[in-house]
N, C-alpha and C. Protein backbone atom coordinates (compact mmCIF):
# COMPACT_ATOMS: atom_id res chain seq x y z
N UNK A 1 72.08 12.55 -12.90
CA UNK A 1 70.80 13.68 -12.19
C UNK A 1 71.50 14.02 -10.74
N UNK A 2 72.56 13.24 -10.41
CA UNK A 2 73.05 13.55 -8.86
C UNK A 2 73.80 14.66 -8.85
N UNK A 3 74.75 14.95 -10.02
CA UNK A 3 75.62 16.22 -10.00
C UNK A 3 74.66 17.54 -9.61
N UNK A 4 73.27 17.47 -10.58
CA UNK A 4 72.27 18.67 -10.24
C UNK A 4 71.65 18.48 -9.03
N UNK A 5 71.50 17.38 -8.50
CA UNK A 5 70.75 17.42 -7.36
C UNK A 5 71.79 18.09 -6.16
N UNK A 6 73.00 17.90 -6.05
CA UNK A 6 74.27 18.25 -5.45
C UNK A 6 74.18 19.68 -5.52
N UNK A 7 74.01 20.25 -6.68
CA UNK A 7 74.00 21.80 -6.84
C UNK A 7 72.91 22.20 -6.12
N UNK A 8 71.72 21.67 -6.27
CA UNK A 8 70.83 22.21 -5.60
C UNK A 8 70.65 22.38 -4.00
N UNK A 9 71.42 21.00 -3.48
CA UNK A 9 71.73 21.07 -2.24
C UNK A 9 72.71 22.05 -1.85
N UNK A 10 73.77 22.63 -2.30
CA UNK A 10 74.77 23.56 -2.14
C UNK A 10 73.92 24.93 -2.20
N UNK A 11 72.95 25.33 -3.29
CA UNK A 11 72.36 26.34 -3.49
C UNK A 11 71.45 26.51 -2.03
N UNK A 12 70.66 25.54 -1.97
CA UNK A 12 69.81 25.37 -0.53
C UNK A 12 70.33 25.49 0.65
N UNK A 13 71.83 25.19 0.99
CA UNK A 13 72.55 25.64 2.04
C UNK A 13 72.86 27.02 2.29
N UNK A 14 72.78 27.79 1.13
CA UNK A 14 73.31 29.32 1.18
C UNK A 14 74.75 29.31 1.00
N UNK A 15 75.68 28.46 0.81
CA UNK A 15 77.21 28.25 0.56
C UNK A 15 77.13 29.00 -0.84
N UNK A 16 76.26 28.37 -1.63
CA UNK A 16 76.50 28.91 -3.21
C UNK A 16 76.73 30.39 -3.13
N UNK A 17 75.67 31.03 -2.57
CA UNK A 17 75.32 32.31 -2.56
C UNK A 17 76.78 33.09 -1.99
N UNK A 18 77.17 32.58 -0.70
CA UNK A 18 78.61 33.16 -0.29
C UNK A 18 79.74 33.08 -1.10
N UNK A 19 79.63 32.14 -2.10
CA UNK A 19 80.70 31.88 -2.61
C UNK A 19 80.67 33.16 -3.73
N UNK A 20 79.61 33.23 -4.27
CA UNK A 20 79.36 33.99 -5.32
C UNK A 20 79.00 35.68 -5.14
N UNK A 21 79.03 36.05 -3.90
CA UNK A 21 78.90 37.26 -3.67
C UNK A 21 80.01 38.31 -4.65
N UNK A 22 79.29 39.28 -4.78
CA UNK A 22 80.12 40.42 -5.58
C UNK A 22 80.37 40.32 -7.17
N UNK A 23 80.05 39.05 -7.84
CA UNK A 23 79.66 39.19 -8.94
C UNK A 23 79.35 40.29 -9.79
N UNK A 24 79.74 40.53 -11.01
CA UNK A 24 79.30 41.61 -11.70
C UNK A 24 78.29 41.21 -12.43
N UNK A 25 77.49 42.53 -13.17
CA UNK A 25 76.54 42.15 -13.94
C UNK A 25 77.27 41.35 -15.44
N UNK A 26 78.37 41.47 -15.57
CA UNK A 26 78.91 40.51 -16.72
C UNK A 26 78.91 39.37 -16.27
N UNK A 27 79.50 39.07 -15.13
CA UNK A 27 79.50 37.57 -14.54
C UNK A 27 78.26 36.84 -14.38
N UNK A 28 77.11 37.86 -14.18
CA UNK A 28 75.88 37.04 -13.93
C UNK A 28 75.61 36.74 -15.41
N UNK A 29 75.52 37.17 -16.31
CA UNK A 29 75.31 37.27 -17.60
C UNK A 29 76.05 36.09 -18.45
N UNK A 30 77.44 35.81 -18.20
CA UNK A 30 77.91 34.61 -18.04
C UNK A 30 77.45 33.37 -17.62
N UNK A 31 76.99 33.30 -16.54
CA UNK A 31 76.26 32.53 -15.70
C UNK A 31 75.15 32.01 -16.49
N UNK A 32 74.46 33.18 -16.98
CA UNK A 32 73.09 32.50 -17.77
C UNK A 32 73.29 31.99 -19.25
N UNK A 33 74.32 32.59 -19.61
CA UNK A 33 74.72 31.99 -20.86
C UNK A 33 75.05 30.39 -20.73
N UNK A 34 76.03 30.36 -19.68
CA UNK A 34 76.22 29.11 -19.46
C UNK A 34 75.18 28.15 -19.13
N UNK A 35 74.38 28.52 -18.36
CA UNK A 35 73.37 27.53 -18.25
C UNK A 35 72.27 27.49 -19.51
N UNK A 36 72.34 28.33 -20.32
CA UNK A 36 71.54 28.03 -21.64
C UNK A 36 72.30 26.73 -22.33
N UNK A 37 73.74 27.25 -22.39
CA UNK A 37 74.23 26.30 -23.13
C UNK A 37 74.49 25.03 -22.64
N UNK A 38 74.29 24.78 -21.42
CA UNK A 38 74.12 23.43 -20.64
C UNK A 38 72.97 22.44 -21.01
N UNK A 39 71.84 23.86 -20.55
CA UNK A 39 70.53 22.88 -20.76
C UNK A 39 70.14 22.74 -21.91
N UNK A 40 70.82 22.80 -23.00
CA UNK A 40 70.58 22.54 -24.46
C UNK A 40 70.67 20.87 -24.57
N UNK A 41 71.88 20.45 -23.94
CA UNK A 41 71.82 19.04 -23.80
C UNK A 41 71.40 18.32 -22.72
N UNK A 42 70.32 18.68 -21.99
CA UNK A 42 69.81 17.78 -20.89
C UNK A 42 68.41 17.58 -21.25
N UNK A 43 67.84 16.84 -20.40
CA UNK A 43 66.58 16.44 -20.54
C UNK A 43 65.52 17.43 -19.74
N UNK A 44 64.23 17.81 -20.44
CA UNK A 44 63.24 18.65 -19.83
C UNK A 44 63.61 18.65 -17.94
N UNK A 45 63.52 17.56 -17.51
CA UNK A 45 63.65 17.83 -15.93
C UNK A 45 64.93 18.28 -15.69
N UNK A 46 66.09 17.94 -16.25
CA UNK A 46 67.26 18.43 -15.98
C UNK A 46 67.60 19.76 -16.35
N UNK A 47 66.95 20.39 -17.31
CA UNK A 47 66.52 21.96 -17.56
C UNK A 47 66.17 22.69 -16.83
N UNK A 48 65.18 21.99 -16.36
CA UNK A 48 64.40 22.86 -15.16
C UNK A 48 65.01 22.94 -13.96
N UNK A 49 66.03 22.04 -13.36
CA UNK A 49 66.93 22.14 -12.17
C UNK A 49 67.84 23.02 -12.62
N UNK A 50 68.45 23.13 -13.91
CA UNK A 50 69.32 23.97 -13.75
C UNK A 50 68.73 25.53 -14.06
N UNK A 51 67.47 25.81 -14.85
CA UNK A 51 66.66 26.99 -14.96
C UNK A 51 66.66 27.59 -13.38
N UNK A 52 66.08 26.87 -12.71
CA UNK A 52 65.58 27.17 -11.20
C UNK A 52 67.13 27.60 -10.30
N UNK A 53 68.07 26.81 -10.54
CA UNK A 53 69.29 27.05 -10.22
C UNK A 53 69.48 28.47 -10.32
N UNK A 54 69.70 28.84 -11.34
CA UNK A 54 70.44 30.23 -11.93
C UNK A 54 69.18 31.20 -11.67
N UNK A 55 67.95 30.91 -11.58
CA UNK A 55 66.94 31.78 -11.31
C UNK A 55 67.03 32.38 -10.07
N UNK A 56 67.20 31.40 -9.07
CA UNK A 56 67.53 31.64 -7.65
C UNK A 56 68.78 32.20 -7.50
N UNK A 57 69.86 31.64 -8.15
CA UNK A 57 71.32 32.21 -7.74
C UNK A 57 71.21 33.65 -8.14
N UNK A 58 70.96 34.05 -9.41
CA UNK A 58 70.65 35.41 -9.74
C UNK A 58 69.70 36.34 -8.93
N UNK A 59 68.67 35.81 -8.82
CA UNK A 59 67.71 36.58 -7.91
C UNK A 59 68.31 37.11 -6.59
N UNK A 60 68.97 35.99 -5.95
CA UNK A 60 69.72 36.12 -4.57
C UNK A 60 70.52 37.18 -4.88
N UNK A 61 71.48 37.33 -5.86
CA UNK A 61 72.77 38.15 -5.94
C UNK A 61 72.12 39.30 -6.18
N UNK A 62 70.86 39.61 -7.14
CA UNK A 62 70.23 40.87 -7.14
C UNK A 62 69.87 41.61 -6.05
N UNK A 63 69.07 40.62 -5.08
CA UNK A 63 68.75 40.92 -3.94
C UNK A 63 69.53 41.45 -2.98
N UNK A 64 70.57 40.62 -2.68
CA UNK A 64 71.72 41.17 -1.93
C UNK A 64 72.74 42.63 -2.62
N UNK A 65 72.80 42.83 -3.90
CA UNK A 65 73.43 43.77 -4.26
C UNK A 65 72.44 44.97 -4.71
N UNK A 66 71.13 45.00 -4.18
CA UNK A 66 70.31 45.96 -4.01
C UNK A 66 69.46 46.15 -5.53
N UNK A 67 69.65 45.27 -6.47
CA UNK A 67 68.74 45.20 -7.78
C UNK A 67 67.51 44.65 -7.54
N UNK A 68 67.35 43.66 -8.02
CA UNK A 68 65.83 43.09 -7.91
C UNK A 68 65.36 42.75 -9.31
N UNK A 69 64.54 42.10 -9.53
CA UNK A 69 63.77 41.66 -10.72
C UNK A 69 62.56 41.65 -10.98
């Protein structure tokens, strides 16, 4: 779980958002699909972490690009 915790810390720092700014809608869809594939092999707690990470990441990208969910 330490890798997922590290991802959450990176997300909370805002650094991840800076790294992925400018992703297209297709790129965002790939992120969602990768998260779904990854989650299939995780326990429920880890799945929740991945889901929150993606939801926060995509939500922040939507906000910055003028989209919104």
